Protein backbone atom coordinates (compact mmCIF):
# COMPACT_ATOMS: atom_id res chain seq x y z
CA MET A 1 57.85 110.35 33.19
CA LYS A 2 55.89 107.39 31.86
CA ASN A 3 55.02 104.42 34.00
CA ARG A 4 57.24 101.50 32.95
CA ASN A 5 54.21 99.20 32.77
CA GLU A 6 52.20 101.55 30.57
CA LYS A 7 51.74 100.20 27.06
CA LEU A 8 51.02 102.70 24.33
CA LEU A 9 48.53 101.50 21.75
CA LYS A 10 49.63 102.74 18.36
CA PHE A 11 47.00 102.89 15.65
CA ILE A 12 46.00 104.34 12.29
CA ASN A 13 42.59 105.92 11.78
CA HIS A 14 41.44 105.14 8.22
CA ASN A 15 37.90 105.65 6.91
CA GLY A 16 36.61 105.68 10.49
CA TYR A 17 38.25 102.37 11.43
CA ILE A 18 40.89 102.44 14.16
CA VAL A 19 43.57 99.93 13.09
CA PRO A 20 46.21 98.92 15.67
CA THR A 21 49.72 98.73 14.27
CA GLY A 22 51.22 96.31 16.80
CA LYS A 23 52.18 92.69 16.30
CA THR A 24 50.58 91.14 19.37
CA LYS A 25 47.85 88.52 19.27
CA ARG A 26 45.49 91.15 20.71
CA ASP A 27 46.30 93.51 17.81
CA GLU A 28 45.64 90.69 15.31
CA ASP A 29 42.32 89.87 17.01
CA ILE A 30 41.25 93.51 16.82
CA ARG A 31 42.24 93.73 13.15
CA GLU A 32 40.31 90.51 12.42
CA LYS A 33 37.20 92.07 13.97
CA ILE A 34 37.74 95.23 11.91
CA ILE A 35 37.94 93.20 8.69
CA LYS A 36 34.82 91.24 9.60
CA GLN A 37 32.91 94.44 10.39
CA PHE A 38 34.17 96.10 7.22
CA TYR A 39 33.01 93.20 5.02
CA ASN A 40 29.58 93.31 6.68
CA ASP A 41 29.37 97.09 6.13
CA TRP A 42 30.62 96.71 2.55
CA ALA A 43 28.06 94.00 1.74
CA GLY A 44 25.29 96.23 3.10
CA GLU A 45 26.34 99.03 0.75
CA ASN A 46 27.15 96.72 -2.20
CA THR A 47 24.21 94.36 -2.24
CA GLU A 48 25.28 92.69 -5.51
CA LYS A 49 28.64 91.90 -3.85
CA LYS A 50 30.65 92.45 -7.00
CA VAL A 51 32.77 95.14 -8.67
CA LYS A 52 33.69 95.36 -12.35
CA ASN A 53 37.46 95.23 -12.78
CA ASP A 54 38.78 97.67 -15.40
CA SER A 55 41.67 95.41 -16.43
CA LEU A 56 39.80 92.09 -16.71
CA LYS A 57 36.63 93.83 -17.95
CA GLN A 58 34.67 91.36 -15.83
CA PHE A 59 33.06 91.36 -12.42
CA ILE A 60 34.97 90.14 -9.38
CA HIS A 61 32.52 88.73 -6.86
CA VAL A 62 32.91 88.82 -3.07
CA ASN A 63 31.53 85.93 -1.02
CA HIS A 64 31.98 84.19 2.33
CA LEU A 65 35.27 82.60 1.22
CA SER A 66 36.60 86.08 0.33
CA LYS A 67 35.87 87.30 3.84
CA LYS A 68 37.19 84.15 5.53
CA GLU A 69 40.55 84.05 3.71
CA THR A 70 41.12 87.79 3.93
CA MET A 71 40.34 87.80 7.66
CA ARG A 72 42.82 84.93 8.09
CA TRP A 73 45.72 86.69 6.33
CA GLY A 74 44.74 90.36 6.40
CA CYS A 75 44.75 90.58 10.19
CA LEU A 76 48.44 89.67 10.42
CA SER A 77 49.56 93.24 9.68
CA ALA A 78 48.09 96.71 9.92
CA ASN A 79 49.09 97.36 6.29
CA SER A 80 47.05 94.41 5.04
CA THR A 81 44.07 95.48 7.14
CA LEU A 82 44.32 98.99 5.65
CA THR A 83 44.36 97.42 2.19
CA VAL A 84 41.11 95.59 2.93
CA LEU A 85 39.50 98.92 3.85
CA GLU A 86 40.04 99.92 0.20
CA LEU A 87 38.30 96.81 -1.18
CA SER A 88 36.15 98.49 -3.85
CA TYR A 89 39.10 100.49 -5.18
CA VAL A 90 41.36 97.44 -5.38
CA LEU A 91 38.67 95.28 -7.01
CA LYS A 92 38.13 97.95 -9.66
CA TYR A 93 41.73 98.93 -10.45
CA ALA A 94 43.87 95.83 -9.79
CA VAL A 95 45.89 94.61 -12.77
CA LYS A 96 46.76 91.00 -13.54
CA VAL A 97 50.43 90.18 -12.96
CA GLY A 98 50.29 86.39 -13.20
CA ASN A 99 48.49 83.10 -12.79
CA ASP A 100 48.89 80.19 -10.43
CA LYS A 101 47.45 76.73 -10.07
CA PRO A 102 44.92 76.28 -7.27
CA LYS A 103 46.20 74.41 -4.24
CA ASN A 104 44.60 71.08 -3.52
CA ASN A 105 42.87 72.21 -0.33
CA ALA A 106 39.25 72.70 0.66
CA ASN A 107 39.29 76.45 -0.04
CA GLN A 108 40.83 76.37 -3.51
CA ARG A 109 39.46 73.07 -4.81
CA GLU A 110 36.49 74.83 -6.45
CA PHE A 111 38.78 76.95 -8.68
CA LYS A 112 40.22 76.00 -12.05
CA ASP A 113 42.71 78.88 -12.04
CA ILE A 114 44.12 81.53 -9.71
CA ILE A 115 44.80 85.06 -10.95
CA ILE A 116 47.39 87.18 -9.13
CA MET A 117 46.65 90.90 -9.32
CA GLU A 118 48.26 94.04 -7.93
CA CYS A 119 47.02 97.55 -7.40
CA ASP A 120 48.67 100.82 -6.46
CA VAL A 121 46.58 102.46 -3.71
CA PRO A 122 47.62 106.14 -3.52
CA LYS A 123 45.25 106.80 -0.63
CA LEU A 124 47.26 104.42 1.58
CA ARG A 125 50.66 106.03 1.11
CA PRO A 126 52.96 106.16 3.03
CA TYR A 127 51.80 102.92 4.71
CA ILE A 128 51.73 100.68 1.66
CA VAL A 129 52.53 101.01 -2.02
CA LYS A 130 50.72 98.03 -3.53
CA ALA A 131 47.87 95.73 -2.72
CA LYS A 132 47.93 92.05 -3.70
CA LEU A 133 44.61 90.57 -4.81
CA ILE A 134 44.15 86.84 -5.35
CA VAL A 135 41.19 85.94 -7.55
CA GLY A 136 39.87 82.41 -7.96
CA VAL A 137 38.35 81.46 -11.30
CA LYS A 138 35.52 78.96 -11.03
CA ARG A 139 34.84 76.33 -13.68
CA GLU A 140 32.06 78.50 -15.14
CA HIS A 141 34.58 81.40 -15.37
CA LYS A 142 33.08 83.38 -12.48
CA LYS A 143 35.79 85.41 -10.72
CA ILE A 144 35.84 85.33 -6.89
CA GLN A 145 37.97 87.54 -4.67
CA TYR A 146 39.96 84.94 -2.74
CA CYS A 147 42.31 87.05 -0.63
CA LEU A 148 43.44 90.66 -0.32
CA THR A 149 46.60 91.80 1.49
CA ALA A 150 49.34 94.40 1.28
CA LYS A 151 52.23 93.39 -0.93
C-alpha cells in the first residue's frame, strides 16, 4: 500500500532528457531548465546557430530571443518541452501555414512579419502530432526562430 503523502513523479525520457509530465510550478521550473540546457547543448553542436528549412529554402536562425521565448512558453507543458528537444528536425521540416503581424511589444518590434509554421514530428508520437514554429522576419529578411511549442 502506498503512503498517502507519497507523490509519484511522472516523466518521459527523450534523447537523454528526463521531462516531467506534471502541471505543478516545480514541473514547469524543471522543464524550463531542460529547455535552457538543451539550447546550450544545441548551440555547442550547431555553432552557426541556423538550419536550412526545406519549405522556405532559407536558413532559420536561432538566437537569444529564440531561447527566451521558447523557455517562457515551452515549459508550460511536457509536450511543448518534447517538441523543443526536436529543434533541428522542426527547423528543417516545418511548413508555412500562415502569416501574422508582429505584436507591438519589445520582443516582436524588430520583426516586419511573423511566419506561422507547423511540422509533423513522427518521433514524438504518441505524445504530440504537430509542432508549431513561430518565425520572425527581420527587416533585412533574416528569419529568426521566435517560439517553438506543441500544437
